[in-house]
Amino acid sequence: MNDIKQLLETYPKRKTPKAKYNKPNSIKLFEREYDNWYYKGKDVPYKVKSSFRDDKANELTKLIVAYCKVHGYFAARVNSTGTYSAKLGKYIHSGARAGMADVTAVINGKHVSIEIKAGHDRPRPEQLKVQNEVEAAGGRYLFVHSFDDFLSKL
């Protein structure tokens, strides 16, 4: 019996499950707005409801780009990760410079760079440098942690 207890004590403890995601009302409202925009003038037999989240960086990025499109703004993701070339056997730099924001947008005629920071993610020195350069040139550089944060800074 003691051998079993000792054996069980050597096993790693189970991780505590994450708290259930509670979608903010602002996202629920936007999902309806997005569906109306997306299906406007389309004659389809069945409409698939859109679903957005803001608890992960990739999901928040998609949500912000969709919001900008619905409201008539320009927005595009900036891919700063390199790609692997099997032919060369190495990674190839994307060409985007370090510190570039995740989303580049033009909102009401003004350049806005939007850097997504999810969880405990913090700005890197390169991003702070690019922020200073963008703002010195007359644009805005936003650090966004949630959809509500984006709406309040917009």
C-alpha atoms as a PDB file:
ATOM      1  CA  MET A   1       0.000   0.000   0.000  1.00  0.00           C
ATOM      2  CA  ASN A   2       2.830   2.418   0.859  1.00  0.00           C
ATOM      3  CA  ASP A   3       4.492   1.572  -2.446  1.00  0.00           C
ATOM      4  CA  ILE A   4       1.382   2.688  -4.319  1.00  0.00           C
ATOM      5  CA  LYS A   5       1.207   5.966  -2.344  1.00  0.00           C
ATOM      6  CA  GLN A   6       4.857   6.696  -3.084  1.00  0.00           C
ATOM      7  CA  LEU A   7       4.340   5.851  -6.745  1.00  0.00           C
ATOM      8  CA  LEU A   8       1.309   8.174  -6.978  1.00  0.00           C
ATOM      9  CA  GLU A   9       3.243  11.012  -5.336  1.00  0.00           C
ATOM     10  CA  THR A  10       5.859  10.856  -8.104  1.00  0.00           C
ATOM     11  CA  TYR A  11       3.281  11.503 -10.832  1.00  0.00           C
ATOM     12  CA  PRO A  12       2.886  15.147 -11.838  1.00  0.00           C
ATOM     13  CA  LYS A  13      -0.149  16.937 -10.459  1.00  0.00           C
ATOM     14  CA  ARG A  14      -3.027  17.669 -12.819  1.00  0.00           C
ATOM     15  CA  LYS A  15      -3.296  21.193 -14.089  1.00  0.00           C
ATOM     16  CA  THR A  16      -6.259  23.174 -12.894  1.00  0.00           C
ATOM     17  CA  PRO A  17      -8.699  23.781 -15.746  1.00  0.00           C
ATOM     18  CA  LYS A  18      -8.937  27.273 -17.195  1.00  0.00           C
ATOM     19  CA  ALA A  19     -11.934  29.371 -16.321  1.00  0.00           C
ATOM     20  CA  LYS A  20     -14.748  29.210 -18.865  1.00  0.00           C
ATOM     21  CA  TYR A  21     -14.644  32.006 -21.444  1.00  0.00           C
ATOM     22  CA  ASN A  22     -17.428  34.549 -21.005  1.00  0.00           C
ATOM     23  CA  LYS A  23     -17.997  36.431 -24.221  1.00  0.00           C
ATOM     24  CA  PRO A  24     -18.460  40.189 -23.661  1.00  0.00           C
ATOM     25  CA  ASN A  25     -21.707  41.790 -24.835  1.00  0.00           C
ATOM     26  CA  SER A  26     -19.756  44.041 -27.209  1.00  0.00           C
ATOM     27  CA  ILE A  27     -18.652  40.962 -29.176  1.00  0.00           C
ATOM     28  CA  LYS A  28     -22.165  39.492 -29.194  1.00  0.00           C
ATOM     29  CA  LEU A  29     -23.496  42.770 -30.614  1.00  0.00           C
ATOM     30  CA  PHE A  30     -20.732  42.898 -33.208  1.00  0.00           C
ATOM     31  CA  GLU A  31     -21.436  39.297 -34.305  1.00  0.00           C
ATOM     32  CA  ARG A  32     -24.996  40.322 -35.193  1.00  0.00           C
ATOM     33  CA  GLU A  33     -23.712  43.446 -36.955  1.00  0.00           C
ATOM     34  CA  TYR A  34     -21.146  41.373 -38.860  1.00  0.00           C
ATOM     35  CA  ASP A  35     -23.763  38.818 -39.978  1.00  0.00           C
ATOM     36  CA  ASN A  36     -26.066  41.602 -41.242  1.00  0.00           C
ATOM     37  CA  TRP A  37     -23.131  43.154 -43.137  1.00  0.00           C
ATOM     38  CA  TYR A  38     -21.870  39.846 -44.541  1.00  0.00           C
ATOM     39  CA  TYR A  39     -25.236  38.544 -45.779  1.00  0.00           C
ATOM     40  CA  LYS A  40     -26.593  41.894 -46.997  1.00  0.00           C
ATOM     41  CA  GLY A  41     -27.899  41.392 -50.533  1.00  0.00           C
ATOM     42  CA  LYS A  42     -27.002  37.693 -50.606  1.00  0.00           C
ATOM     43  CA  ASP A  43     -29.740  35.192 -51.306  1.00  0.00           C
ATOM     44  CA  VAL A  44     -28.639  32.101 -49.406  1.00  0.00           C
ATOM     45  CA  PRO A  45     -30.851  29.298 -48.089  1.00  0.00           C
ATOM     46  CA  TYR A  46     -29.071  29.090 -44.747  1.00  0.00           C
ATOM     47  CA  LYS A  47     -27.016  31.684 -42.898  1.00  0.00           C
ATOM     48  CA  VAL A  48     -24.156  30.513 -40.723  1.00  0.00           C
ATOM     49  CA  LYS A  49     -23.779  32.638 -37.611  1.00  0.00           C
ATOM     50  CA  SER A  50     -20.333  34.108 -37.118  1.00  0.00           C
ATOM     51  CA  SER A  51     -18.444  33.561 -33.911  1.00  0.00           C
ATOM     52  CA  PHE A  52     -15.673  35.783 -32.595  1.00  0.00           C
ATOM     53  CA  ARG A  53     -13.580  35.677 -29.413  1.00  0.00           C
ATOM     54  CA  ASP A  54     -11.016  37.937 -27.796  1.00  0.00           C
ATOM     55  CA  ASP A  55      -9.292  35.625 -25.328  1.00  0.00           C
ATOM     56  CA  LYS A  56      -6.431  34.679 -27.677  1.00  0.00           C
ATOM     57  CA  ALA A  57      -4.219  36.975 -29.746  1.00  0.00           C
ATOM     58  CA  ASN A  58      -5.070  35.344 -33.084  1.00  0.00           C
ATOM     59  CA  GLU A  59      -8.820  35.507 -32.405  1.00  0.00           C
ATOM     60  CA  LEU A  60      -8.650  39.134 -31.277  1.00  0.00           C
ATOM     61  CA  THR A  61      -6.684  40.038 -34.409  1.00  0.00           C
ATOM     62  CA  LYS A  62      -9.366  38.458 -36.641  1.00  0.00           C
ATOM     63  CA  LEU A  63     -12.062  40.289 -34.694  1.00  0.00           C
ATOM     64  CA  ILE A  64     -10.399  43.706 -35.074  1.00  0.00           C
ATOM     65  CA  VAL A  65      -9.800  43.242 -38.814  1.00  0.00           C
ATOM     66  CA  ALA A  66     -13.457  42.196 -39.275  1.00  0.00           C
ATOM     67  CA  TYR A  67     -14.669  45.204 -37.244  1.00  0.00           C
ATOM     68  CA  CYS A  68     -12.651  47.568 -39.434  1.00  0.00           C
ATOM     69  CA  LYS A  69     -14.018  46.010 -42.642  1.00  0.00           C
ATOM     70  CA  VAL A  70     -17.630  46.245 -41.453  1.00  0.00           C
ATOM     71  CA  HIS A  71     -17.209  49.924 -40.590  1.00  0.00           C
ATOM     72  CA  GLY A  72     -15.589  50.841 -43.921  1.00  0.00           C
ATOM     73  CA  TYR A  73     -12.015  51.158 -42.662  1.00  0.00           C
ATOM     74  CA  PHE A  74      -8.959  49.567 -44.224  1.00  0.00           C
ATOM     75  CA  ALA A  75      -7.273  46.911 -42.083  1.00  0.00           C
ATOM     76  CA  ALA A  76      -4.771  44.164 -42.799  1.00  0.00           C
ATOM     77  CA  ARG A  77      -2.783  41.709 -40.736  1.00  0.00           C
ATOM     78  CA  VAL A  78       0.980  42.104 -40.827  1.00  0.00           C
ATOM     79  CA  ASN A  79       2.793  38.789 -40.984  1.00  0.00           C
ATOM     80  CA  SER A  80       6.209  39.268 -39.424  1.00  0.00           C
ATOM     81  CA  THR A  81       7.101  35.600 -39.046  1.00  0.00           C
ATOM     82  CA  GLY A  82       9.444  34.025 -41.521  1.00  0.00           C
ATOM     83  CA  THR A  83       8.597  31.012 -43.616  1.00  0.00           C
ATOM     84  CA  TYR A  84      10.527  27.790 -43.873  1.00  0.00           C
ATOM     85  CA  SER A  85      11.911  26.926 -47.286  1.00  0.00           C
ATOM     86  CA  ALA A  86      12.369  23.172 -47.671  1.00  0.00           C
ATOM     87  CA  LYS A  87      14.301  23.809 -50.873  1.00  0.00           C
ATOM     88  CA  LEU A  88      16.877  25.964 -49.059  1.00  0.00           C
ATOM     89  CA  GLY A  89      16.554  24.114 -45.771  1.00  0.00           C
ATOM     90  CA  LYS A  90      16.224  27.286 -43.692  1.00  0.00           C
ATOM     91  CA  TYR A  91      13.849  30.028 -42.580  1.00  0.00           C
ATOM     92  CA  ILE A  92      13.470  33.081 -44.788  1.00  0.00           C
ATOM     93  CA  HIS A  93      12.847  36.508 -43.231  1.00  0.00           C
ATOM     94  CA  SER A  94       9.408  37.928 -44.071  1.00  0.00           C
ATOM     95  CA  GLY A  95      10.700  41.419 -44.848  1.00  0.00           C
ATOM     96  CA  ALA A  96       8.635  43.088 -42.115  1.00  0.00           C
ATOM     97  CA  ARG A  97      10.817  44.935 -39.669  1.00  0.00           C
ATOM     98  CA  ALA A  98      10.948  44.084 -35.978  1.00  0.00           C
ATOM     99  CA  GLY A  99       8.383  45.947 -33.898  1.00  0.00           C
ATOM    100  CA  MET A 100       5.732  46.215 -36.600  1.00  0.00           C
ATOM    101  CA  ALA A 101       2.201  45.950 -35.224  1.00  0.00           C
ATOM    102  CA  ASP A 102      -0.069  42.964 -35.837  1.00  0.00           C
ATOM    103  CA  VAL A 103      -2.666  45.050 -37.699  1.00  0.00           C
ATOM    104  CA  THR A 104      -2.179  48.072 -39.934  1.00  0.00           C
ATOM    105  CA  ALA A 105      -5.307  50.144 -40.453  1.00  0.00           C
ATOM    106  CA  VAL A 106      -6.534  53.420 -41.886  1.00  0.00           C
ATOM    107  CA  ILE A 107      -9.370  54.738 -39.736  1.00  0.00           C
ATOM    108  CA  ASN A 108     -11.060  58.005 -40.696  1.00  0.00           C
ATOM    109  CA  GLY A 109      -8.095  58.883 -42.930  1.00  0.00           C
ATOM    110  CA  LYS A 110      -5.494  58.316 -40.217  1.00  0.00           C
ATOM    111  CA  HIS A 111      -2.888  55.553 -40.015  1.00  0.00           C
ATOM    112  CA  VAL A 112      -3.353  53.294 -36.981  1.00  0.00           C
ATOM    113  CA  SER A 113      -1.007  50.441 -36.018  1.00  0.00           C
ATOM    114  CA  ILE A 114      -2.634  47.968 -33.636  1.00  0.00           C
ATOM    115  CA  GLU A 115      -0.476  45.618 -31.567  1.00  0.00           C
ATOM    116  CA  ILE A 116      -2.394  42.756 -29.937  1.00  0.00           C
ATOM    117  CA  LYS A 117      -1.306  41.876 -26.403  1.00  0.00           C
ATOM    118  CA  ALA A 118      -3.138  38.872 -24.958  1.00  0.00           C
ATOM    119  CA  GLY A 119      -2.696  37.489 -21.481  1.00  0.00           C
ATOM    120  CA  HIS A 120       0.523  38.561 -19.779  1.00  0.00           C
ATOM    121  CA  ASP A 121       2.203  39.650 -23.027  1.00  0.00           C
ATOM    122  CA  ARG A 122       4.137  42.938 -22.692  1.00  0.00           C
ATOM    123  CA  PRO A 123       5.508  45.389 -25.311  1.00  0.00           C
ATOM    124  CA  ARG A 124       9.012  44.651 -26.569  1.00  0.00           C
ATOM    125  CA  PRO A 125      11.619  47.440 -26.944  1.00  0.00           C
ATOM    126  CA  GLU A 126      11.403  47.187 -30.755  1.00  0.00           C
ATOM    127  CA  GLN A 127       7.646  47.789 -30.575  1.00  0.00           C
ATOM    128  CA  LEU A 128       8.097  50.829 -28.359  1.00  0.00           C
ATOM    129  CA  LYS A 129      10.626  52.217 -30.855  1.00  0.00           C
ATOM    130  CA  VAL A 130       8.224  51.717 -33.786  1.00  0.00           C
ATOM    131  CA  GLN A 131       5.432  53.257 -31.672  1.00  0.00           C
ATOM    132  CA  ASN A 132       7.504  56.424 -31.211  1.00  0.00           C
ATOM    133  CA  GLU A 133       8.289  56.577 -34.947  1.00  0.00           C
ATOM    134  CA  VAL A 134       4.651  56.064 -36.010  1.00  0.00           C
ATOM    135  CA  GLU A 135       3.377  58.682 -33.567  1.00  0.00           C
ATOM    136  CA  ALA A 136       6.127  61.151 -34.587  1.00  0.00           C
ATOM    137  CA  ALA A 137       4.932  60.772 -38.193  1.00  0.00           C
ATOM    138  CA  GLY A 138       1.343  61.608 -37.197  1.00  0.00           C
ATOM    139  CA  GLY A 139      -0.110  58.102 -36.891  1.00  0.00           C
ATOM    140  CA  ARG A 140      -1.347  56.160 -33.880  1.00  0.00           C
ATOM    141  CA  TYR A 141       0.110  52.993 -32.384  1.00  0.00           C
ATOM    142  CA  LEU A 142      -2.231  51.155 -30.042  1.00  0.00           C
ATOM    143  CA  PHE A 143      -1.546  48.297 -27.638  1.00  0.00           C
ATOM    144  CA  VAL A 144      -4.831  46.389 -27.341  1.00  0.00           C
ATOM    145  CA  HIS A 145      -5.644  43.700 -24.744  1.00  0.00           C
ATOM    146  CA  SER A 146      -9.322  43.003 -25.506  1.00  0.00           C
ATOM    147  CA  PHE A 147     -12.112  44.003 -27.886  1.00  0.00           C
ATOM    148  CA  ASP A 148     -13.547  46.442 -25.321  1.00  0.00           C
ATOM    149  CA  ASP A 149     -10.058  47.944 -24.944  1.00  0.00           C
ATOM    150  CA  PHE A 150      -9.888  48.396 -28.738  1.00  0.00           C
ATOM    151  CA  LEU A 151     -13.308  50.076 -28.843  1.00  0.00           C
ATOM    152  CA  SER A 152     -12.408  52.472 -26.046  1.00  0.00           C
ATOM    153  CA  LYS A 153      -9.105  53.472 -27.704  1.00  0.00           C
ATOM    154  CA  LEU A 154     -10.707  53.810 -31.127  1.00  0.00           C
END
